[in-house]
All heavy atoms as atom14 arrays in JSON, in Angstrom:
{
  "sequence": "APEVAASIHRKSDGYVLVAVKPGYPVVNGQ",
  "atom14_mask": [
    [1, 1, 1, 1, 1, 0, 0, 0, 0, 0, 0, 0, 0, 0],
    [1, 1, 1, 1, 1, 1, 1, 0, 0, 0, 0, 0, 0, 0],
    [1, 1, 1, 1, 1, 1, 1, 1, 1, 0, 0, 0, 0, 0],
    [1, 1, 1, 1, 1, 1, 1, 0, 0, 0, 0, 0, 0, 0],
    [1, 1, 1, 1, 1, 0, 0, 0, 0, 0, 0, 0, 0, 0],
    [1, 1, 1, 1, 1, 0, 0, 0, 0, 0, 0, 0, 0, 0],
    [1, 1, 1, 1, 1, 1, 0, 0, 0, 0, 0, 0, 0, 0],
    [1, 1, 1, 1, 1, 1, 1, 1, 0, 0, 0, 0, 0, 0],
    [1, 1, 1, 1, 1, 1, 1, 1, 1, 1, 0, 0, 0, 0],
    [1, 1, 1, 1, 1, 1, 1, 1, 1, 1, 1, 0, 0, 0],
    [1, 1, 1, 1, 1, 1, 1, 1, 1, 0, 0, 0, 0, 0],
    [1, 1, 1, 1, 1, 1, 0, 0, 0, 0, 0, 0, 0, 0],
    [1, 1, 1, 1, 1, 1, 1, 1, 0, 0, 0, 0, 0, 0],
    [1, 1, 1, 1, 0, 0, 0, 0, 0, 0, 0, 0, 0, 0],
    [1, 1, 1, 1, 1, 1, 1, 1, 1, 1, 1, 1, 0, 0],
    [1, 1, 1, 1, 1, 1, 1, 0, 0, 0, 0, 0, 0, 0],
    [1, 1, 1, 1, 1, 1, 1, 1, 0, 0, 0, 0, 0, 0],
    [1, 1, 1, 1, 1, 1, 1, 0, 0, 0, 0, 0, 0, 0],
    [1, 1, 1, 1, 1, 0, 0, 0, 0, 0, 0, 0, 0, 0],
    [1, 1, 1, 1, 1, 1, 1, 0, 0, 0, 0, 0, 0, 0],
    [1, 1, 1, 1, 1, 1, 1, 1, 1, 0, 0, 0, 0, 0],
    [1, 1, 1, 1, 1, 1, 1, 0, 0, 0, 0, 0, 0, 0],
    [1, 1, 1, 1, 0, 0, 0, 0, 0, 0, 0, 0, 0, 0],
    [1, 1, 1, 1, 1, 1, 1, 1, 1, 1, 1, 1, 0, 0],
    [1, 1, 1, 1, 1, 1, 1, 0, 0, 0, 0, 0, 0, 0],
    [1, 1, 1, 1, 1, 1, 1, 0, 0, 0, 0, 0, 0, 0],
    [1, 1, 1, 1, 1, 1, 1, 0, 0, 0, 0, 0, 0, 0],
    [1, 1, 1, 1, 1, 1, 1, 1, 0, 0, 0, 0, 0, 0],
    [1, 1, 1, 1, 0, 0, 0, 0, 0, 0, 0, 0, 0, 0],
    [1, 1, 1, 1, 1, 1, 1, 1, 1, 0, 0, 0, 0, 0]
  ],
  "atom14_positions": [
    [[98.39, 82.22, 95.52], [98.45, 83.63, 95.99], [98.2, 84.57, 94.81], [98.37, 84.17, 93.67], [99.86, 83.89, 96.59], [0.0, 0.0, 0.0], [0.0, 0.0, 0.0], [0.0, 0.0, 0.0], [0.0, 0.0, 0.0], [0.0, 0.0, 0.0], [0.0, 0.0, 0.0], [0.0, 0.0, 0.0], [0.0, 0.0, 0.0], [0.0, 0.0, 0.0]],
    [[97.72, 85.77, 95.12], [97.48, 86.74, 94.0], [98.77, 87.1, 93.33], [99.87, 87.11, 93.9], [96.87, 87.93, 94.75], [96.39, 87.4, 96.07], [97.32, 86.29, 96.42], [0.0, 0.0, 0.0], [0.0, 0.0, 0.0], [0.0, 0.0, 0.0], [0.0, 0.0, 0.0], [0.0, 0.0, 0.0], [0.0, 0.0, 0.0], [0.0, 0.0, 0.0]],
    [[98.62, 87.35, 92.02], [99.81, 87.81, 91.29], [100.39, 89.08, 91.87], [101.59, 89.18, 92.06], [99.37, 88.11, 89.82], [99.04, 86.83, 89.03], [100.24, 85.93, 88.84], [101.15, 86.32, 88.06], [100.32, 84.83, 89.45], [0.0, 0.0, 0.0], [0.0, 0.0, 0.0], [0.0, 0.0, 0.0], [0.0, 0.0, 0.0], [0.0, 0.0, 0.0]],
    [[99.54, 90.0, 92.24], [99.92, 91.17, 92.98], [98.92, 91.3, 94.13], [97.71, 91.53, 93.93], [99.87, 92.45, 92.09], [100.35, 93.69, 92.94], [100.8, 92.32, 90.9], [0.0, 0.0, 0.0], [0.0, 0.0, 0.0], [0.0, 0.0, 0.0], [0.0, 0.0, 0.0], [0.0, 0.0, 0.0], [0.0, 0.0, 0.0], [0.0, 0.0, 0.0]],
    [[99.4, 91.14, 95.37], [98.57, 91.13, 96.52], [98.49, 92.52, 97.21], [97.46, 92.91, 97.8], [99.04, 90.07, 97.5], [0.0, 0.0, 0.0], [0.0, 0.0, 0.0], [0.0, 0.0, 0.0], [0.0, 0.0, 0.0], [0.0, 0.0, 0.0], [0.0, 0.0, 0.0], [0.0, 0.0, 0.0], [0.0, 0.0, 0.0], [0.0, 0.0, 0.0]],
    [[99.65, 93.24, 97.17], [99.74, 94.52, 97.87], [100.82, 95.36, 97.26], [101.66, 94.89, 96.52], [100.0, 94.28, 99.36], [0.0, 0.0, 0.0], [0.0, 0.0, 0.0], [0.0, 0.0, 0.0], [0.0, 0.0, 0.0], [0.0, 0.0, 0.0], [0.0, 0.0, 0.0], [0.0, 0.0, 0.0], [0.0, 0.0, 0.0], [0.0, 0.0, 0.0]],
    [[100.82, 96.63, 97.64], [101.86, 97.53, 97.16], [102.18, 98.5, 98.29], [101.35, 98.78, 99.09], [101.43, 98.27, 95.88], [100.26, 98.97, 96.14], [0.0, 0.0, 0.0], [0.0, 0.0, 0.0], [0.0, 0.0, 0.0], [0.0, 0.0, 0.0], [0.0, 0.0, 0.0], [0.0, 0.0, 0.0], [0.0, 0.0, 0.0], [0.0, 0.0, 0.0]],
    [[103.43, 98.98, 98.26], [103.83, 99.92, 99.27], [104.29, 101.21, 98.46], [105.09, 101.09, 97.57], [104.99, 99.44, 100.18], [104.5, 98.2, 100.98], [105.53, 100.48, 101.06], [105.54, 97.56, 101.8], [0.0, 0.0, 0.0], [0.0, 0.0, 0.0], [0.0, 0.0, 0.0], [0.0, 0.0, 0.0], [0.0, 0.0, 0.0], [0.0, 0.0, 0.0]],
    [[103.76, 102.35, 98.92], [104.01, 103.58, 98.2], [104.69, 104.59, 99.13], [104.23, 104.77, 100.26], [102.76, 104.17, 97.6], [102.07, 103.21, 96.7], [102.33, 103.07, 95.33], [101.07, 102.29, 96.97], [101.57, 102.18, 94.8], [100.82, 101.66, 95.72], [0.0, 0.0, 0.0], [0.0, 0.0, 0.0], [0.0, 0.0, 0.0], [0.0, 0.0, 0.0]],
    [[105.72, 105.24, 98.6], [106.32, 106.32, 99.4], [105.62, 107.63, 99.18], [105.54, 108.11, 98.01], [107.83, 106.4, 98.96], [108.58, 107.45, 99.81], [110.07, 107.39, 99.63], [110.75, 108.25, 100.54], [112.04, 108.23, 100.77], [112.78, 107.32, 100.11], [112.63, 109.07, 101.62], [0.0, 0.0, 0.0], [0.0, 0.0, 0.0], [0.0, 0.0, 0.0]],
    [[105.12, 108.25, 100.23], [104.41, 109.53, 100.19], [105.3, 110.63, 100.7], [106.33, 110.36, 101.3], [103.06, 109.41, 100.89], [102.14, 108.31, 100.43], [101.6, 108.55, 99.04], [100.55, 107.53, 98.62], [99.98, 107.83, 97.31], [0.0, 0.0, 0.0], [0.0, 0.0, 0.0], [0.0, 0.0, 0.0], [0.0, 0.0, 0.0], [0.0, 0.0, 0.0]],
    [[104.74, 111.82, 100.74], [105.51, 112.95, 101.24], [105.68, 112.86, 102.75], [106.65, 113.39, 103.33], [104.82, 114.27, 100.86], [103.53, 114.3, 101.43], [0.0, 0.0, 0.0], [0.0, 0.0, 0.0], [0.0, 0.0, 0.0], [0.0, 0.0, 0.0], [0.0, 0.0, 0.0], [0.0, 0.0, 0.0], [0.0, 0.0, 0.0], [0.0, 0.0, 0.0]],
    [[104.76, 112.13, 103.45], [104.83, 112.1, 104.91], [105.11, 110.63, 105.37], [104.89, 110.33, 106.55], [103.56, 112.62, 105.56], [102.35, 111.84, 105.09], [102.41, 111.02, 104.13], [101.28, 111.97, 105.69], [0.0, 0.0, 0.0], [0.0, 0.0, 0.0], [0.0, 0.0, 0.0], [0.0, 0.0, 0.0], [0.0, 0.0, 0.0], [0.0, 0.0, 0.0]],
    [[105.57, 109.73, 104.48], [105.86, 108.38, 104.99], [105.48, 107.31, 103.92], [105.31, 107.62, 102.74], [0.0, 0.0, 0.0], [0.0, 0.0, 0.0], [0.0, 0.0, 0.0], [0.0, 0.0, 0.0], [0.0, 0.0, 0.0], [0.0, 0.0, 0.0], [0.0, 0.0, 0.0], [0.0, 0.0, 0.0], [0.0, 0.0, 0.0], [0.0, 0.0, 0.0]],
    [[105.32, 106.1, 104.4], [104.99, 105.0, 103.56], [103.59, 104.47, 103.85], [103.14, 104.47, 105.01], [105.99, 103.85, 103.75], [107.41, 104.12, 103.19], [108.29, 104.88, 103.95], [107.77, 103.66, 101.95], [109.59, 105.12, 103.47], [109.04, 103.9, 101.45], [109.92, 104.66, 102.2], [111.19, 104.93, 101.72], [0.0, 0.0, 0.0], [0.0, 0.0, 0.0]],
    [[102.9, 104.04, 102.77], [101.51, 103.52, 102.86], [101.44, 102.18, 102.19], [101.93, 102.0, 101.05], [100.57, 104.54, 102.23], [99.15, 103.93, 102.2], [100.5, 105.85, 102.98], [0.0, 0.0, 0.0], [0.0, 0.0, 0.0], [0.0, 0.0, 0.0], [0.0, 0.0, 0.0], [0.0, 0.0, 0.0], [0.0, 0.0, 0.0], [0.0, 0.0, 0.0]],
    [[100.84, 101.18, 102.85], [100.55, 99.9, 102.2], [99.12, 99.89, 101.65], [98.19, 100.28, 102.35], [100.74, 98.78, 103.24], [100.49, 97.38, 102.64], [101.51, 96.34, 103.16], [99.07, 96.85, 102.93], [0.0, 0.0, 0.0], [0.0, 0.0, 0.0], [0.0, 0.0, 0.0], [0.0, 0.0, 0.0], [0.0, 0.0, 0.0], [0.0, 0.0, 0.0]],
    [[99.0, 99.52, 100.43], [97.68, 99.47, 99.74], [97.36, 98.01, 99.42], [98.23, 97.3, 98.89], [97.71, 100.28, 98.38], [96.41, 100.1, 97.66], [98.02, 101.76, 98.7], [0.0, 0.0, 0.0], [0.0, 0.0, 0.0], [0.0, 0.0, 0.0], [0.0, 0.0, 0.0], [0.0, 0.0, 0.0], [0.0, 0.0, 0.0], [0.0, 0.0, 0.0]],
    [[96.16, 97.59, 99.78], [95.74, 96.21, 99.5], [95.23, 96.13, 98.05], [94.15, 96.6, 97.77], [94.62, 95.84, 100.47], [0.0, 0.0, 0.0], [0.0, 0.0, 0.0], [0.0, 0.0, 0.0], [0.0, 0.0, 0.0], [0.0, 0.0, 0.0], [0.0, 0.0, 0.0], [0.0, 0.0, 0.0], [0.0, 0.0, 0.0], [0.0, 0.0, 0.0]],
    [[96.04, 95.52, 97.17], [95.56, 95.3, 95.8], [94.46, 94.3, 95.81], [93.46, 94.46, 95.08], [96.72, 94.85, 94.92], [96.23, 94.56, 93.46], [97.82, 95.96, 94.89], [0.0, 0.0, 0.0], [0.0, 0.0, 0.0], [0.0, 0.0, 0.0], [0.0, 0.0, 0.0], [0.0, 0.0, 0.0], [0.0, 0.0, 0.0], [0.0, 0.0, 0.0]],
    [[94.6, 93.24, 96.63], [93.5, 92.34, 96.9], [92.93, 92.68, 98.27], [93.57, 92.35, 99.29], [93.9, 90.88, 96.84], [92.73, 89.93, 97.05], [93.18, 88.49, 96.85], [91.96, 87.51, 97.14], [92.31, 86.14, 97.01], [0.0, 0.0, 0.0], [0.0, 0.0, 0.0], [0.0, 0.0, 0.0], [0.0, 0.0, 0.0], [0.0, 0.0, 0.0]],
    [[91.81, 93.34, 98.44], [91.28, 93.72, 99.72], [91.18, 92.54, 100.73], [90.7, 91.46, 100.39], [89.94, 94.32, 99.41], [90.05, 94.76, 97.96], [90.94, 93.74, 97.3], [0.0, 0.0, 0.0], [0.0, 0.0, 0.0], [0.0, 0.0, 0.0], [0.0, 0.0, 0.0], [0.0, 0.0, 0.0], [0.0, 0.0, 0.0], [0.0, 0.0, 0.0]],
    [[91.7, 92.8, 101.94], [91.6, 91.81, 102.97], [92.7, 90.74, 102.96], [92.77, 89.97, 103.9], [0.0, 0.0, 0.0], [0.0, 0.0, 0.0], [0.0, 0.0, 0.0], [0.0, 0.0, 0.0], [0.0, 0.0, 0.0], [0.0, 0.0, 0.0], [0.0, 0.0, 0.0], [0.0, 0.0, 0.0], [0.0, 0.0, 0.0], [0.0, 0.0, 0.0]],
    [[93.55, 90.71, 101.94], [94.53, 89.72, 101.82], [95.78, 90.05, 102.66], [96.26, 89.24, 103.45], [94.93, 89.47, 100.32], [95.75, 88.19, 100.13], [95.15, 86.93, 100.08], [97.12, 88.29, 100.05], [95.91, 85.77, 99.83], [97.91, 87.12, 99.87], [97.32, 85.93, 99.78], [98.09, 84.78, 99.61], [0.0, 0.0, 0.0], [0.0, 0.0, 0.0]],
    [[96.34, 91.24, 102.51], [97.47, 91.61, 103.35], [96.96, 91.9, 104.76], [95.91, 92.4, 105.0], [98.04, 92.85, 102.72], [96.92, 93.45, 101.97], [96.05, 92.34, 101.5], [0.0, 0.0, 0.0], [0.0, 0.0, 0.0], [0.0, 0.0, 0.0], [0.0, 0.0, 0.0], [0.0, 0.0, 0.0], [0.0, 0.0, 0.0], [0.0, 0.0, 0.0]],
    [[97.81, 91.53, 105.71], [97.48, 91.74, 107.17], [98.64, 92.52, 107.81], [99.77, 92.16, 107.65], [97.29, 90.39, 107.93], [97.07, 90.63, 109.42], [96.18, 89.61, 107.27], [0.0, 0.0, 0.0], [0.0, 0.0, 0.0], [0.0, 0.0, 0.0], [0.0, 0.0, 0.0], [0.0, 0.0, 0.0], [0.0, 0.0, 0.0], [0.0, 0.0, 0.0]],
    [[98.32, 93.61, 108.47], [99.33, 94.44, 109.16], [99.09, 94.44, 110.63], [97.96, 94.82, 111.05], [99.34, 95.9, 108.61], [100.3, 96.75, 109.36], [99.71, 95.9, 107.13], [0.0, 0.0, 0.0], [0.0, 0.0, 0.0], [0.0, 0.0, 0.0], [0.0, 0.0, 0.0], [0.0, 0.0, 0.0], [0.0, 0.0, 0.0], [0.0, 0.0, 0.0]],
    [[100.0, 93.95, 111.4], [99.89, 93.84, 112.89], [98.61, 93.15, 113.31], [97.92, 93.56, 114.17], [99.97, 95.27, 113.47], [101.27, 95.93, 113.22], [102.32, 95.32, 113.1], [101.25, 97.28, 113.13], [0.0, 0.0, 0.0], [0.0, 0.0, 0.0], [0.0, 0.0, 0.0], [0.0, 0.0, 0.0], [0.0, 0.0, 0.0], [0.0, 0.0, 0.0]],
    [[98.3, 92.09, 112.55], [97.1, 91.25, 112.88], [95.78, 91.77, 112.37], [94.79, 91.11, 112.54], [0.0, 0.0, 0.0], [0.0, 0.0, 0.0], [0.0, 0.0, 0.0], [0.0, 0.0, 0.0], [0.0, 0.0, 0.0], [0.0, 0.0, 0.0], [0.0, 0.0, 0.0], [0.0, 0.0, 0.0], [0.0, 0.0, 0.0], [0.0, 0.0, 0.0]],
    [[95.76, 92.91, 111.65], [94.53, 93.5, 111.14], [94.55, 93.4, 109.61], [95.48, 93.83, 108.93], [94.42, 94.96, 111.55], [94.35, 95.16, 113.08], [93.09, 94.59, 113.68], [92.0, 94.66, 113.12], [93.27, 93.91, 114.82], [0.0, 0.0, 0.0], [0.0, 0.0, 0.0], [0.0, 0.0, 0.0], [0.0, 0.0, 0.0], [0.0, 0.0, 0.0]]
  ]
}
């Protein structure tokens, strides 16, 4: 697995998941 695969960042209007390795994390099947 990647050393760092994804990150979650708290923004002013909520939370955002960022793919550190593009296409590796899957959210709700996508």
